Amino acid sequence: MRRVALALLGTLLLVPMAQAASPAGTWEIEMRDSRYKVELCGDSGTALCGTLIWLGNGADSPENLPYLNTLMIDHAAQTAPNEWRGTLHLYGQSAGGTITQVSDNQITLKGCLLGIFCKTYQLYRYNP
């Protein structure tokens, strides 16, 4: 029995531990009309910030341009591995939101106004 336990322990030590993917990078919303620079921020470097850095494909309208280079995800606090909660700023509206990194290349963003009116967006890692 002891040999089996030692063999199992040895096998576990040889298997690399899965590392959580970093949310840092450039992300494009599912409609492909806006891109965001996402980075870890805050004093401890575990909060999440996201800045609108590009508008196109019709979203680059006069009413949207004032939001270019502004925070969309505003210092969201990490609540679990690959999950953050905080304030989202979406085109002049602020809402409570949850940001979940579901894979290396996908983030789900859910924002709710008054806890009732909710909208979910998918963002995909942008690699030009």
Protein backbone atom coordinates (compact mmCIF):
# COMPACT_ATOMS: atom_id res chain seq x y z
CA MET A 1 0.00 0.00 0.00
CA ARG A 2 2.81 2.36 0.86
CA ARG A 3 4.44 1.77 -2.54
CA VAL A 4 1.18 2.60 -4.30
CA ALA A 5 0.83 5.84 -2.33
CA LEU A 6 4.44 6.82 -3.09
CA ALA A 7 4.00 5.99 -6.78
CA LEU A 8 0.81 8.05 -6.90
CA LEU A 9 2.50 10.98 -5.15
CA GLY A 10 5.43 10.77 -7.59
CA THR A 11 3.04 10.79 -10.55
CA LEU A 12 1.19 13.83 -9.18
CA LEU A 13 4.45 15.72 -8.77
CA LEU A 14 5.39 15.07 -12.39
CA VAL A 15 2.07 16.31 -13.79
CA PRO A 16 2.23 20.09 -14.27
CA MET A 17 -0.39 22.01 -12.33
CA ALA A 18 -2.95 23.77 -14.51
CA GLN A 19 -2.31 27.48 -14.40
CA ALA A 20 -5.11 29.98 -14.59
CA ALA A 21 -4.89 31.98 -17.79
CA SER A 22 -4.27 35.66 -17.35
CA PRO A 23 -7.11 37.95 -18.37
CA ALA A 24 -4.55 40.59 -19.37
CA GLY A 25 -4.57 41.42 -23.06
CA THR A 26 -6.76 42.80 -25.80
CA TRP A 27 -10.30 41.50 -26.06
CA GLU A 28 -12.94 41.98 -28.77
CA ILE A 29 -16.67 41.91 -28.07
CA GLU A 30 -18.75 39.30 -29.88
CA MET A 31 -20.25 41.86 -32.29
CA ARG A 32 -16.68 42.71 -33.39
CA ASP A 33 -17.30 46.44 -33.13
CA SER A 34 -15.23 47.27 -30.03
CA ARG A 35 -11.97 46.18 -28.39
CA TYR A 36 -10.79 46.52 -24.82
CA LYS A 37 -7.42 46.48 -23.12
CA VAL A 38 -7.83 44.36 -19.98
CA GLU A 39 -5.24 44.36 -17.22
CA LEU A 40 -4.80 43.46 -13.60
CA CYS A 41 -4.82 46.64 -11.51
CA GLY A 42 -5.25 47.98 -8.00
CA ASP A 43 -2.89 48.00 -5.05
CA SER A 44 -2.59 44.21 -4.86
CA GLY A 45 -2.63 43.67 -8.62
CA THR A 46 -5.64 41.34 -8.45
CA ALA A 47 -8.43 43.75 -9.45
CA LEU A 48 -9.50 43.89 -13.07
CA CYS A 49 -9.60 47.02 -15.25
CA GLY A 50 -10.68 47.26 -18.86
CA THR A 51 -10.39 50.25 -21.18
CA LEU A 52 -12.24 50.76 -24.46
CA ILE A 53 -9.43 51.16 -27.00
CA TRP A 54 -11.06 50.70 -30.41
CA LEU A 55 -14.41 51.25 -32.10
CA GLY A 56 -15.27 50.19 -35.62
CA ASN A 57 -17.78 48.43 -37.86
CA GLY A 58 -20.42 51.09 -37.22
CA ALA A 59 -19.79 51.55 -33.49
CA ASP A 60 -17.39 54.43 -34.23
CA SER A 61 -20.30 56.86 -34.27
CA PRO A 62 -20.27 60.38 -32.80
CA GLU A 63 -22.33 59.22 -29.79
CA ASN A 64 -19.84 56.43 -28.94
CA LEU A 65 -16.53 58.21 -29.61
CA PRO A 66 -16.53 60.11 -26.25
CA TYR A 67 -16.18 56.72 -24.50
CA LEU A 68 -13.02 55.77 -26.37
CA ASN A 69 -10.05 55.37 -23.96
CA THR A 70 -12.29 55.27 -20.88
CA LEU A 71 -12.68 52.52 -18.29
CA MET A 72 -15.36 49.96 -18.96
CA ILE A 73 -14.32 47.60 -16.12
CA ASP A 74 -13.48 49.77 -13.11
CA HIS A 75 -11.24 48.00 -10.58
CA ALA A 76 -13.44 44.91 -10.27
CA ALA A 77 -12.45 42.86 -7.22
CA GLN A 78 -11.52 39.23 -7.62
CA THR A 79 -14.14 37.06 -5.90
CA ALA A 80 -12.98 33.59 -7.01
CA PRO A 81 -10.43 32.14 -9.42
CA ASN A 82 -11.16 33.64 -12.85
CA GLU A 83 -14.05 35.76 -11.53
CA TRP A 84 -14.33 39.45 -10.67
CA ARG A 85 -17.22 41.69 -9.53
CA GLY A 86 -17.42 45.44 -9.77
CA THR A 87 -18.73 48.44 -11.62
CA LEU A 88 -19.07 48.41 -15.39
CA HIS A 89 -19.37 51.59 -17.42
CA LEU A 90 -21.17 50.96 -20.69
CA TYR A 91 -21.68 53.97 -22.92
CA GLY A 92 -22.68 56.39 -20.20
CA GLN A 93 -24.46 53.89 -17.96
CA SER A 94 -22.96 52.31 -14.84
CA ALA A 95 -24.01 48.87 -13.67
CA GLY A 96 -22.92 46.19 -11.27
CA GLY A 97 -21.22 43.39 -13.12
CA THR A 98 -19.52 40.05 -13.07
CA ILE A 99 -16.56 39.21 -15.26
CA THR A 100 -15.76 35.52 -15.67
CA GLN A 101 -12.84 34.18 -17.65
CA VAL A 102 -14.23 30.91 -18.98
CA SER A 103 -11.14 29.93 -20.98
CA ASP A 104 -7.79 31.31 -22.14
CA ASN A 105 -9.57 33.07 -24.98
CA GLN A 106 -13.08 33.89 -23.71
CA ILE A 107 -14.52 36.19 -21.06
CA THR A 108 -18.20 36.45 -20.15
CA LEU A 109 -19.28 39.90 -19.00
CA LYS A 110 -22.66 40.29 -17.28
CA GLY A 111 -23.96 43.68 -16.24
CA CYS A 112 -27.19 44.43 -14.37
CA LEU A 113 -28.99 47.72 -13.77
CA LEU A 114 -31.04 47.76 -10.56
CA GLY A 115 -30.35 44.03 -10.25
CA ILE A 116 -33.17 43.39 -12.71
CA PHE A 117 -32.19 44.43 -16.21
CA CYS A 118 -29.22 42.25 -17.15
CA LYS A 119 -27.23 41.83 -20.32
CA THR A 120 -24.48 39.31 -21.05
CA TYR A 121 -21.66 39.79 -23.53
CA GLN A 122 -18.93 37.49 -24.74
CA LEU A 123 -15.43 38.84 -25.31
CA TYR A 124 -12.77 36.93 -27.22
CA ARG A 125 -9.03 37.40 -27.04
CA TYR A 126 -7.96 39.55 -29.98
CA ASN A 127 -4.82 38.53 -31.84
CA PRO A 128 -4.25 40.69 -34.93
